[in-house]
């Protein structure tokens, strides 16, 4: 397991995102945990109250440097991002002795990105995205089930909750309230577990200047080793 415990290079790389993307790819190859792309996403609401939850990091774009995740725009995290468009994330691969932290501004992904990813989901999940008012109260489980059945009827799909094994994919468009976000990396920390808790840590920071609705113009990275 020596390769998994390999410490950070010396000197540090000029930028961290290539290594971050490689770590995610390595976690997928080894599949030592069920969801290698599971990451904790923390956001803050308009009152300054933080909240955290686990989402899936669907992609790390090393250049120009952002993470992609998808959700319901009307969910609690969606509302918090709208009020305070910044976030902090952690991906922790226990068996690989690695941790990745990313902080920065959040903007919506391109509609084409959201459409492309939505089309890869099982059609039943696509129907569910139309049915669920994520994070909103629901009186009973039966009411939620009925909402899914109603969405399937509106969309003209088979019964989501009792599909036939022979059914093929069903065309379900992406709802306007569902899509992707780009978390642009303004600060990145790479952590490798060391023996006797003498861990290897480094942090990279850069400036980001808005450059349109979905993008930023990035400054040069600055790297610093940190004590464990």
Foldseek 3Di string as FASTA:
>chain_A
DCVLQDFADVPHDQACLVVVQVVLVVCVVVCPDVQQQWKKKWFAALVRDIDIDIFGFPHFDSVVTWTKTKDFCQAPVNNRCVRPFWIKMKRDDPVSQKIKIFIAGKFFDDPVQFFVVLVPDAVLVQLLSVQDSHNDDDDDVVRSQVSSQVSCVVQVHPRSVDDDPPDDGDDHGHDPRIGMMIHGGQKMKMWGQDPPRFIWIKMKGWDWDDDDRHGTDIDGIDMDTDTD
